[in-house]
Amino acid sequence: MILYSETYCILLFTFQRRVIEGTRRLAIIKIRLTREAINFQSHPPPGFKAYFFEPHFLSV
Protein backbone atom coordinates (compact mmCIF):
# COMPACT_ATOMS: atom_id res chain seq x y z
CA MET A 1 0.00 0.00 0.00
CA ILE A 2 2.87 2.40 0.81
CA LEU A 3 4.48 1.66 -2.56
CA TYR A 4 1.16 2.28 -4.32
CA SER A 5 0.67 5.67 -2.70
CA GLU A 6 4.26 6.70 -3.47
CA THR A 7 3.87 5.87 -7.17
CA TYR A 8 0.53 7.64 -7.18
CA CYS A 9 2.11 10.76 -5.68
CA ILE A 10 4.95 10.67 -8.23
CA LEU A 11 2.49 10.26 -11.10
CA LEU A 12 0.31 13.06 -9.77
CA PHE A 13 3.34 15.31 -9.37
CA THR A 14 4.60 14.69 -12.92
CA PHE A 15 1.08 15.19 -14.29
CA GLN A 16 0.72 18.49 -12.43
CA ARG A 17 4.12 19.59 -13.67
CA ARG A 18 3.16 18.77 -17.26
CA VAL A 19 -0.10 20.68 -16.91
CA ILE A 20 1.76 23.69 -15.50
CA GLU A 21 4.32 23.54 -18.34
CA GLY A 22 1.50 23.23 -20.88
CA THR A 23 -0.37 26.23 -19.52
CA ARG A 24 2.86 28.22 -19.43
CA ARG A 25 3.51 27.28 -23.06
CA LEU A 26 -0.03 28.29 -24.04
CA ALA A 27 0.37 31.60 -22.23
CA ILE A 28 3.63 32.27 -24.10
CA ILE A 29 1.96 31.43 -27.43
CA LYS A 30 -0.98 33.70 -26.56
CA ILE A 31 1.36 36.59 -25.67
CA ARG A 32 3.30 36.05 -28.90
CA LEU A 33 0.14 36.01 -31.02
CA THR A 34 -1.20 39.13 -29.31
CA ARG A 35 2.09 40.91 -29.88
CA GLU A 36 2.09 39.89 -33.55
CA ALA A 37 -1.52 41.04 -33.95
CA ILE A 38 -0.64 44.44 -32.43
CA ASN A 39 2.40 44.70 -34.71
CA PHE A 40 0.25 43.76 -37.70
CA GLN A 41 -2.35 46.41 -36.85
CA SER A 42 0.23 49.15 -36.39
CA HIS A 43 2.41 48.08 -39.35
CA PRO A 44 0.25 46.21 -41.88
CA PRO A 45 1.82 45.01 -45.13
CA PRO A 46 1.76 47.69 -47.85
CA GLY A 47 -1.57 47.76 -49.64
CA PHE A 48 -3.40 45.62 -47.08
CA LYS A 49 -5.14 48.44 -45.27
CA ALA A 50 -5.81 50.38 -48.45
CA TYR A 51 -7.30 47.35 -50.18
CA PHE A 52 -9.60 46.19 -47.39
CA PHE A 53 -10.64 49.39 -45.64
CA GLU A 54 -10.88 52.00 -48.37
CA PRO A 55 -14.28 52.74 -49.94
CA HIS A 56 -13.12 51.76 -53.45
CA PHE A 57 -13.14 48.12 -52.31
CA LEU A 58 -16.88 48.35 -51.72
CA SER A 59 -17.60 50.09 -55.01
CA VAL A 60 -15.79 47.54 -57.21
C-alpha atoms as a PDB file:
ATOM      1  CA  MET A   1       0.000   0.000   0.000  1.00  0.00           C
ATOM      2  CA  ILE A   2       2.874   2.401   0.805  1.00  0.00           C
ATOM      3  CA  LEU A   3       4.482   1.664  -2.562  1.00  0.00           C
ATOM      4  CA  TYR A   4       1.164   2.282  -4.323  1.00  0.00           C
ATOM      5  CA  SER A   5       0.672   5.674  -2.703  1.00  0.00           C
ATOM      6  CA  GLU A   6       4.262   6.696  -3.472  1.00  0.00           C
ATOM      7  CA  THR A   7       3.875   5.873  -7.168  1.00  0.00           C
ATOM      8  CA  TYR A   8       0.526   7.645  -7.180  1.00  0.00           C
ATOM      9  CA  CYS A   9       2.115  10.765  -5.682  1.00  0.00           C
ATOM     10  CA  ILE A  10       4.948  10.668  -8.226  1.00  0.00           C
ATOM     11  CA  LEU A  11       2.490  10.257 -11.099  1.00  0.00           C
ATOM     12  CA  LEU A  12       0.308  13.055  -9.767  1.00  0.00           C
ATOM     13  CA  PHE A  13       3.337  15.305  -9.366  1.00  0.00           C
ATOM     14  CA  THR A  14       4.595  14.694 -12.923  1.00  0.00           C
ATOM     15  CA  PHE A  15       1.083  15.195 -14.292  1.00  0.00           C
ATOM     16  CA  GLN A  16       0.722  18.485 -12.434  1.00  0.00           C
ATOM     17  CA  ARG A  17       4.125  19.595 -13.667  1.00  0.00           C
ATOM     18  CA  ARG A  18       3.157  18.770 -17.263  1.00  0.00           C
ATOM     19  CA  VAL A  19      -0.105  20.683 -16.910  1.00  0.00           C
ATOM     20  CA  ILE A  20       1.763  23.686 -15.503  1.00  0.00           C
ATOM     21  CA  GLU A  21       4.324  23.541 -18.339  1.00  0.00           C
ATOM     22  CA  GLY A  22       1.497  23.233 -20.879  1.00  0.00           C
ATOM     23  CA  THR A  23      -0.371  26.230 -19.518  1.00  0.00           C
ATOM     24  CA  ARG A  24       2.860  28.217 -19.433  1.00  0.00           C
ATOM     25  CA  ARG A  25       3.513  27.283 -23.062  1.00  0.00           C
ATOM     26  CA  LEU A  26      -0.030  28.290 -24.038  1.00  0.00           C
ATOM     27  CA  ALA A  27       0.374  31.600 -22.230  1.00  0.00           C
ATOM     28  CA  ILE A  28       3.635  32.266 -24.099  1.00  0.00           C
ATOM     29  CA  ILE A  29       1.962  31.433 -27.435  1.00  0.00           C
ATOM     30  CA  LYS A  30      -0.976  33.703 -26.559  1.00  0.00           C
ATOM     31  CA  ILE A  31       1.357  36.587 -25.673  1.00  0.00           C
ATOM     32  CA  ARG A  32       3.301  36.049 -28.902  1.00  0.00           C
ATOM     33  CA  LEU A  33       0.136  36.008 -31.024  1.00  0.00           C
ATOM     34  CA  THR A  34      -1.203  39.129 -29.308  1.00  0.00           C
ATOM     35  CA  ARG A  35       2.092  40.905 -29.880  1.00  0.00           C
ATOM     36  CA  GLU A  36       2.091  39.890 -33.545  1.00  0.00           C
ATOM     37  CA  ALA A  37      -1.519  41.042 -33.948  1.00  0.00           C
ATOM     38  CA  ILE A  38      -0.641  44.435 -32.431  1.00  0.00           C
ATOM     39  CA  ASN A  39       2.399  44.699 -34.711  1.00  0.00           C
ATOM     40  CA  PHE A  40       0.249  43.761 -37.704  1.00  0.00           C
ATOM     41  CA  GLN A  41      -2.354  46.412 -36.848  1.00  0.00           C
ATOM     42  CA  SER A  42       0.229  49.147 -36.389  1.00  0.00           C
ATOM     43  CA  HIS A  43       2.411  48.079 -39.348  1.00  0.00           C
ATOM     44  CA  PRO A  44       0.253  46.212 -41.877  1.00  0.00           C
ATOM     45  CA  PRO A  45       1.816  45.008 -45.133  1.00  0.00           C
ATOM     46  CA  PRO A  46       1.757  47.686 -47.853  1.00  0.00           C
ATOM     47  CA  GLY A  47      -1.573  47.758 -49.639  1.00  0.00           C
ATOM     48  CA  PHE A  48      -3.399  45.620 -47.085  1.00  0.00           C
ATOM     49  CA  LYS A  49      -5.141  48.438 -45.271  1.00  0.00           C
ATOM     50  CA  ALA A  50      -5.806  50.381 -48.452  1.00  0.00           C
ATOM     51  CA  TYR A  51      -7.303  47.347 -50.176  1.00  0.00           C
ATOM     52  CA  PHE A  52      -9.602  46.192 -47.394  1.00  0.00           C
ATOM     53  CA  PHE A  53     -10.642  49.391 -45.641  1.00  0.00           C
ATOM     54  CA  GLU A  54     -10.884  51.997 -48.371  1.00  0.00           C
ATOM     55  CA  PRO A  55     -14.284  52.745 -49.944  1.00  0.00           C
ATOM     56  CA  HIS A  56     -13.121  51.756 -53.453  1.00  0.00           C
ATOM     57  CA  PHE A  57     -13.136  48.120 -52.305  1.00  0.00           C
ATOM     58  CA  LEU A  58     -16.878  48.347 -51.718  1.00  0.00           C
ATOM     59  CA  SER A  59     -17.599  50.090 -55.011  1.00  0.00           C
ATOM     60  CA  VAL A  60     -15.793  47.544 -57.209  1.00  0.00           C
END
